[in-house]
Amino acid sequence: PTQAANCSTVTCDNGGTCNNYTVSPPCLCPLPYIAPYCRSAADYCFTLQPDKGITELPVCLNDGNCTLTYTDPYFNCSCPTGYTERKVTRLRVLMLLALLQLKNQ
């Protein structure tokens, strides 16, 4: 049988915990950090998040500039000249459309 990670020899960074349940990965990482050792963060500027309504790329609309953040939703969009919203994201557009639909019912 295979064995899980030896937690006395595994170092998990950025709040990760040793995975003593399965063989791989050796660390269970909090978002936005990724296995195997939680040393780097996933780039949510290029990651779909269907649970948050982000189902298409790019995550920023209207040529907004995307930067990685360490809080949910793990990215931030800065708007180009002429746009006033702080976050020009698909999530915000989808939420506004949903609110308008509810209002019109």
N, C-alpha and C. Protein backbone atom coordinates (compact mmCIF):
# COMPACT_ATOMS: atom_id res chain seq x y z
N PRO A 1 0.82 -1.19 0.00
CA PRO A 1 0.00 0.00 0.00
C PRO A 1 0.87 1.26 0.00
N THR A 2 0.33 2.34 -0.57
CA THR A 2 1.06 3.61 -0.60
C THR A 2 0.80 4.35 0.70
N GLN A 3 1.72 5.26 1.04
CA GLN A 3 1.61 6.00 2.29
C GLN A 3 1.49 7.49 2.02
N ALA A 4 0.84 8.15 2.92
CA ALA A 4 0.71 9.60 2.85
C ALA A 4 2.04 10.25 3.20
N ALA A 5 2.10 11.57 3.06
CA ALA A 5 3.33 12.31 3.35
C ALA A 5 3.76 12.11 4.79
N ASN A 6 5.09 12.09 4.99
CA ASN A 6 5.66 12.03 6.33
C ASN A 6 5.70 13.47 6.84
N CYS A 7 4.75 13.83 7.67
CA CYS A 7 4.59 15.22 8.09
C CYS A 7 5.76 15.74 8.93
N SER A 8 6.59 14.86 9.43
CA SER A 8 7.76 15.34 10.19
C SER A 8 8.83 15.86 9.25
N THR A 9 8.73 15.55 7.96
CA THR A 9 9.75 16.01 7.01
C THR A 9 9.20 16.97 5.96
N VAL A 10 7.90 17.23 5.96
CA VAL A 10 7.28 18.09 4.95
C VAL A 10 7.10 19.51 5.52
N THR A 11 7.52 20.50 4.75
CA THR A 11 7.31 21.89 5.13
C THR A 11 6.34 22.53 4.15
N CYS A 12 5.21 23.00 4.67
CA CYS A 12 4.20 23.67 3.85
C CYS A 12 4.26 25.16 4.16
N ASP A 13 4.33 25.98 3.12
CA ASP A 13 4.42 27.42 3.28
C ASP A 13 3.05 28.08 3.24
N ASN A 14 2.99 29.35 3.58
CA ASN A 14 1.80 30.21 3.44
C ASN A 14 0.53 29.63 4.06
N GLY A 15 0.66 29.01 5.22
CA GLY A 15 -0.51 28.50 5.93
C GLY A 15 -0.97 27.13 5.49
N GLY A 16 -0.22 26.47 4.62
CA GLY A 16 -0.57 25.13 4.18
C GLY A 16 -0.37 24.12 5.30
N THR A 17 -1.09 23.01 5.22
CA THR A 17 -0.95 21.95 6.22
C THR A 17 -0.55 20.66 5.54
N CYS A 18 0.20 19.87 6.27
CA CYS A 18 0.66 18.59 5.72
C CYS A 18 -0.54 17.69 5.44
N ASN A 19 -0.50 17.04 4.29
CA ASN A 19 -1.56 16.13 3.87
C ASN A 19 -1.19 14.72 4.30
N ASN A 20 -1.71 14.29 5.44
CA ASN A 20 -1.41 12.93 5.88
C ASN A 20 -2.56 11.98 5.56
N TYR A 21 -3.39 12.37 4.58
CA TYR A 21 -4.53 11.55 4.18
C TYR A 21 -4.29 10.81 2.87
N THR A 22 -3.62 11.45 1.92
CA THR A 22 -3.39 10.84 0.62
C THR A 22 -1.92 10.97 0.24
N VAL A 23 -1.50 10.24 -0.79
CA VAL A 23 -0.11 10.24 -1.19
C VAL A 23 0.32 11.59 -1.78
N SER A 24 -0.55 12.20 -2.54
CA SER A 24 -0.20 13.44 -3.22
C SER A 24 -1.40 14.37 -3.22
N PRO A 25 -1.20 15.65 -3.11
CA PRO A 25 0.04 16.39 -2.91
C PRO A 25 0.47 16.34 -1.45
N PRO A 26 1.72 16.70 -1.15
CA PRO A 26 2.17 16.64 0.24
C PRO A 26 1.55 17.71 1.14
N CYS A 27 1.06 18.81 0.55
CA CYS A 27 0.47 19.89 1.35
C CYS A 27 -0.94 20.22 0.87
N LEU A 28 -1.81 20.57 1.82
CA LEU A 28 -3.13 21.10 1.51
C LEU A 28 -3.02 22.61 1.68
N CYS A 29 -3.27 23.34 0.61
CA CYS A 29 -2.98 24.78 0.58
C CYS A 29 -4.25 25.63 0.64
N PRO A 30 -4.19 26.74 1.40
CA PRO A 30 -5.31 27.69 1.37
C PRO A 30 -5.23 28.49 0.06
N LEU A 31 -6.37 28.93 -0.42
CA LEU A 31 -6.37 29.76 -1.63
C LEU A 31 -5.71 31.10 -1.34
N PRO A 32 -4.99 31.65 -2.26
CA PRO A 32 -4.80 31.26 -3.64
C PRO A 32 -3.57 30.39 -3.87
N TYR A 33 -2.96 29.85 -2.84
CA TYR A 33 -1.72 29.09 -2.98
C TYR A 33 -2.00 27.69 -3.54
N ILE A 34 -0.98 27.14 -4.22
CA ILE A 34 -1.15 25.86 -4.89
C ILE A 34 -0.10 24.84 -4.47
N ALA A 35 -0.48 23.58 -4.60
CA ALA A 35 0.40 22.45 -4.29
C ALA A 35 1.57 22.45 -5.27
N PRO A 36 2.68 21.83 -4.95
CA PRO A 36 2.77 20.85 -3.88
C PRO A 36 3.09 21.42 -2.50
N TYR A 37 3.76 22.57 -2.40
CA TYR A 37 4.20 23.06 -1.08
C TYR A 37 3.65 24.44 -0.72
N CYS A 38 2.67 24.93 -1.45
CA CYS A 38 2.02 26.22 -1.16
C CYS A 38 2.98 27.39 -1.27
N ARG A 39 3.99 27.27 -2.10
CA ARG A 39 4.99 28.33 -2.21
C ARG A 39 4.59 29.41 -3.20
N SER A 40 3.71 29.08 -4.14
CA SER A 40 3.30 30.08 -5.12
C SER A 40 1.77 30.15 -5.18
N ALA A 41 1.29 31.27 -5.70
CA ALA A 41 -0.15 31.49 -5.80
C ALA A 41 -0.61 31.27 -7.23
N ALA A 42 -1.81 30.75 -7.37
CA ALA A 42 -2.41 30.60 -8.70
C ALA A 42 -2.70 32.00 -9.25
N ASP A 43 -2.62 32.14 -10.54
CA ASP A 43 -2.90 33.42 -11.16
C ASP A 43 -4.38 33.47 -11.56
N TYR A 44 -5.20 34.04 -10.68
CA TYR A 44 -6.63 34.09 -10.92
C TYR A 44 -7.01 35.08 -12.01
N CYS A 45 -6.06 35.84 -12.53
CA CYS A 45 -6.34 36.68 -13.69
C CYS A 45 -6.59 35.82 -14.93
N PHE A 46 -6.12 34.59 -14.88
CA PHE A 46 -6.27 33.67 -16.01
C PHE A 46 -6.93 32.37 -15.57
N THR A 47 -7.81 32.46 -14.56
CA THR A 47 -8.47 31.27 -14.02
C THR A 47 -9.98 31.46 -14.01
N LEU A 48 -10.68 30.50 -14.58
CA LEU A 48 -12.14 30.53 -14.53
C LEU A 48 -12.60 30.18 -13.12
N GLN A 49 -13.64 30.86 -12.64
CA GLN A 49 -14.23 30.58 -11.33
C GLN A 49 -15.75 30.51 -11.51
N PRO A 50 -16.26 29.40 -12.06
CA PRO A 50 -17.70 29.31 -12.35
C PRO A 50 -18.58 29.56 -11.13
N ASP A 51 -18.11 29.19 -9.94
CA ASP A 51 -18.90 29.41 -8.74
C ASP A 51 -19.08 30.89 -8.43
N LYS A 52 -18.25 31.75 -9.03
CA LYS A 52 -18.34 33.19 -8.84
C LYS A 52 -18.87 33.88 -10.09
N GLY A 53 -19.32 33.10 -11.08
CA GLY A 53 -19.85 33.68 -12.31
C GLY A 53 -18.79 34.05 -13.32
N ILE A 54 -17.55 33.67 -13.08
CA ILE A 54 -16.47 33.99 -14.01
C ILE A 54 -16.28 32.76 -14.90
N THR A 55 -16.93 32.80 -16.05
CA THR A 55 -16.94 31.64 -16.93
C THR A 55 -16.25 31.90 -18.26
N GLU A 56 -15.72 33.10 -18.42
CA GLU A 56 -15.00 33.45 -19.65
C GLU A 56 -13.76 34.26 -19.29
N LEU A 57 -12.78 34.16 -20.15
CA LEU A 57 -11.58 34.98 -20.01
C LEU A 57 -11.60 36.02 -21.11
N PRO A 58 -11.05 37.19 -20.90
CA PRO A 58 -10.35 37.64 -19.70
C PRO A 58 -11.33 37.95 -18.57
N VAL A 59 -10.84 37.94 -17.34
CA VAL A 59 -11.70 38.22 -16.20
C VAL A 59 -12.04 39.71 -16.11
N CYS A 60 -11.19 40.57 -16.64
CA CYS A 60 -11.45 42.00 -16.65
C CYS A 60 -11.99 42.41 -18.01
N LEU A 61 -13.06 43.18 -17.99
CA LEU A 61 -13.68 43.65 -19.23
C LEU A 61 -13.12 44.99 -19.66
N ASN A 62 -13.38 45.35 -20.90
CA ASN A 62 -13.06 46.68 -21.43
C ASN A 62 -11.58 47.02 -21.27
N ASP A 63 -10.72 46.04 -21.50
CA ASP A 63 -9.26 46.22 -21.39
C ASP A 63 -8.81 46.63 -20.00
N GLY A 64 -9.56 46.24 -18.97
CA GLY A 64 -9.13 46.49 -17.60
C GLY A 64 -7.86 45.72 -17.29
N ASN A 65 -7.03 46.26 -16.42
CA ASN A 65 -5.77 45.62 -16.04
C ASN A 65 -5.99 44.74 -14.81
N CYS A 66 -5.64 43.47 -14.91
CA CYS A 66 -5.86 42.52 -13.82
C CYS A 66 -4.58 42.34 -13.00
N THR A 67 -4.74 42.37 -11.66
CA THR A 67 -3.62 42.09 -10.77
C THR A 67 -4.06 41.05 -9.74
N LEU A 68 -3.13 40.21 -9.35
CA LEU A 68 -3.37 39.16 -8.37
C LEU A 68 -3.53 39.78 -6.98
N THR A 69 -4.50 39.28 -6.21
CA THR A 69 -4.66 39.69 -4.81
C THR A 69 -4.69 38.43 -3.96
N TYR A 70 -4.60 38.61 -2.66
CA TYR A 70 -4.57 37.46 -1.76
C TYR A 70 -5.86 37.34 -0.95
N THR A 71 -6.92 38.00 -1.44
CA THR A 71 -8.24 37.86 -0.84
C THR A 71 -9.24 37.54 -1.94
N ASP A 72 -10.31 36.87 -1.58
CA ASP A 72 -11.33 36.44 -2.53
C ASP A 72 -11.89 37.64 -3.28
N PRO A 73 -11.97 37.67 -4.58
CA PRO A 73 -11.85 36.58 -5.55
C PRO A 73 -10.43 36.39 -6.10
N TYR A 74 -9.42 36.91 -5.44
CA TYR A 74 -8.00 36.68 -5.74
C TYR A 74 -7.50 37.41 -6.99
N PHE A 75 -8.24 38.42 -7.42
CA PHE A 75 -7.77 39.30 -8.48
C PHE A 75 -8.50 40.64 -8.33
N ASN A 76 -7.92 41.66 -8.96
CA ASN A 76 -8.54 42.98 -8.96
C ASN A 76 -8.37 43.57 -10.36
N CYS A 77 -9.42 44.21 -10.85
CA CYS A 77 -9.35 44.85 -12.15
C CYS A 77 -9.28 46.36 -11.97
N SER A 78 -8.32 47.00 -12.64
CA SER A 78 -8.28 48.45 -12.66
C SER A 78 -8.80 48.90 -14.02
N CYS A 79 -9.57 49.96 -14.02
CA CYS A 79 -10.29 50.38 -15.21
C CYS A 79 -9.46 51.27 -16.10
N PRO A 80 -9.70 51.14 -17.41
CA PRO A 80 -9.04 52.06 -18.35
C PRO A 80 -9.71 53.43 -18.29
N THR A 81 -9.08 54.42 -18.88
CA THR A 81 -9.63 55.77 -18.93
C THR A 81 -11.02 55.75 -19.54
N GLY A 82 -11.93 56.46 -18.90
CA GLY A 82 -13.28 56.52 -19.39
C GLY A 82 -14.25 55.62 -18.64
N TYR A 83 -13.74 54.71 -17.82
CA TYR A 83 -14.58 53.83 -17.01
C TYR A 83 -14.43 54.23 -15.55
N THR A 84 -15.55 54.27 -14.83
CA THR A 84 -15.51 54.78 -13.47
C THR A 84 -15.59 53.70 -12.41
N GLU A 85 -16.06 52.51 -12.75
CA GLU A 85 -16.14 51.43 -11.75
C GLU A 85 -14.74 51.03 -11.32
N ARG A 86 -14.58 50.69 -10.06
CA ARG A 86 -13.28 50.26 -9.57
C ARG A 86 -12.94 48.88 -10.10
N LYS A 87 -13.92 48.00 -10.17
CA LYS A 87 -13.68 46.66 -10.70
C LYS A 87 -14.54 46.47 -11.94
N VAL A 88 -13.91 46.28 -13.06
CA VAL A 88 -14.64 46.07 -14.31
C VAL A 88 -14.59 44.56 -14.58
N THR A 89 -15.34 43.81 -13.80
CA THR A 89 -15.26 42.36 -13.90
C THR A 89 -16.54 41.77 -14.44
N ARG A 90 -16.40 40.59 -15.00
CA ARG A 90 -17.58 39.86 -15.46
C ARG A 90 -18.50 39.58 -14.29
N LEU A 91 -17.95 39.29 -13.13
CA LEU A 91 -18.76 39.01 -11.95
C LEU A 91 -19.67 40.19 -11.66
N ARG A 92 -19.16 41.39 -11.67
CA ARG A 92 -19.97 42.56 -11.38
C ARG A 92 -21.04 42.74 -12.45
N VAL A 93 -20.70 42.55 -13.70
CA VAL A 93 -21.68 42.70 -14.77
C VAL A 93 -22.79 41.68 -14.60
N LEU A 94 -22.43 40.43 -14.29
CA LEU A 94 -23.44 39.39 -14.11
C LEU A 94 -24.33 39.70 -12.91
N MET A 95 -23.75 40.22 -11.84
CA MET A 95 -24.54 40.55 -10.65
C MET A 95 -25.51 41.70 -10.96
N LEU A 96 -25.07 42.70 -11.69
CA LEU A 96 -25.94 43.81 -12.05
C LEU A 96 -27.08 43.35 -12.94
N LEU A 97 -26.78 42.47 -13.89
CA LEU A 97 -27.84 41.94 -14.75
C LEU A 97 -28.87 41.16 -13.95
N ALA A 98 -28.40 40.37 -12.99
CA ALA A 98 -29.31 39.59 -12.15
C ALA A 98 -30.21 40.53 -11.32
N LEU A 99 -29.64 41.60 -10.77
CA LEU A 99 -30.43 42.56 -10.00
C LEU A 99 -31.48 43.25 -10.86
N LEU A 100 -31.11 43.62 -12.08
CA LEU A 100 -32.06 44.25 -12.99
C LEU A 100 -33.20 43.31 -13.34
N GLN A 101 -32.88 42.05 -13.54
CA GLN A 101 -33.91 41.06 -13.85
C GLN A 101 -34.88 40.91 -12.67
N LEU A 102 -34.34 40.88 -11.46
CA LEU A 102 -35.20 40.76 -10.27
C LEU A 102 -36.09 41.99 -10.13
N LYS A 103 -35.53 43.16 -10.40
CA LYS A 103 -36.27 44.40 -10.28
C LYS A 103 -37.44 44.47 -11.28
N ASN A 104 -37.21 43.90 -12.46
CA ASN A 104 -38.21 43.97 -13.52
C ASN A 104 -39.27 42.86 -13.43
N GLN A 105 -39.19 42.02 -12.43
CA GLN A 105 -40.19 40.94 -12.30
C GLN A 105 -41.44 41.40 -11.62
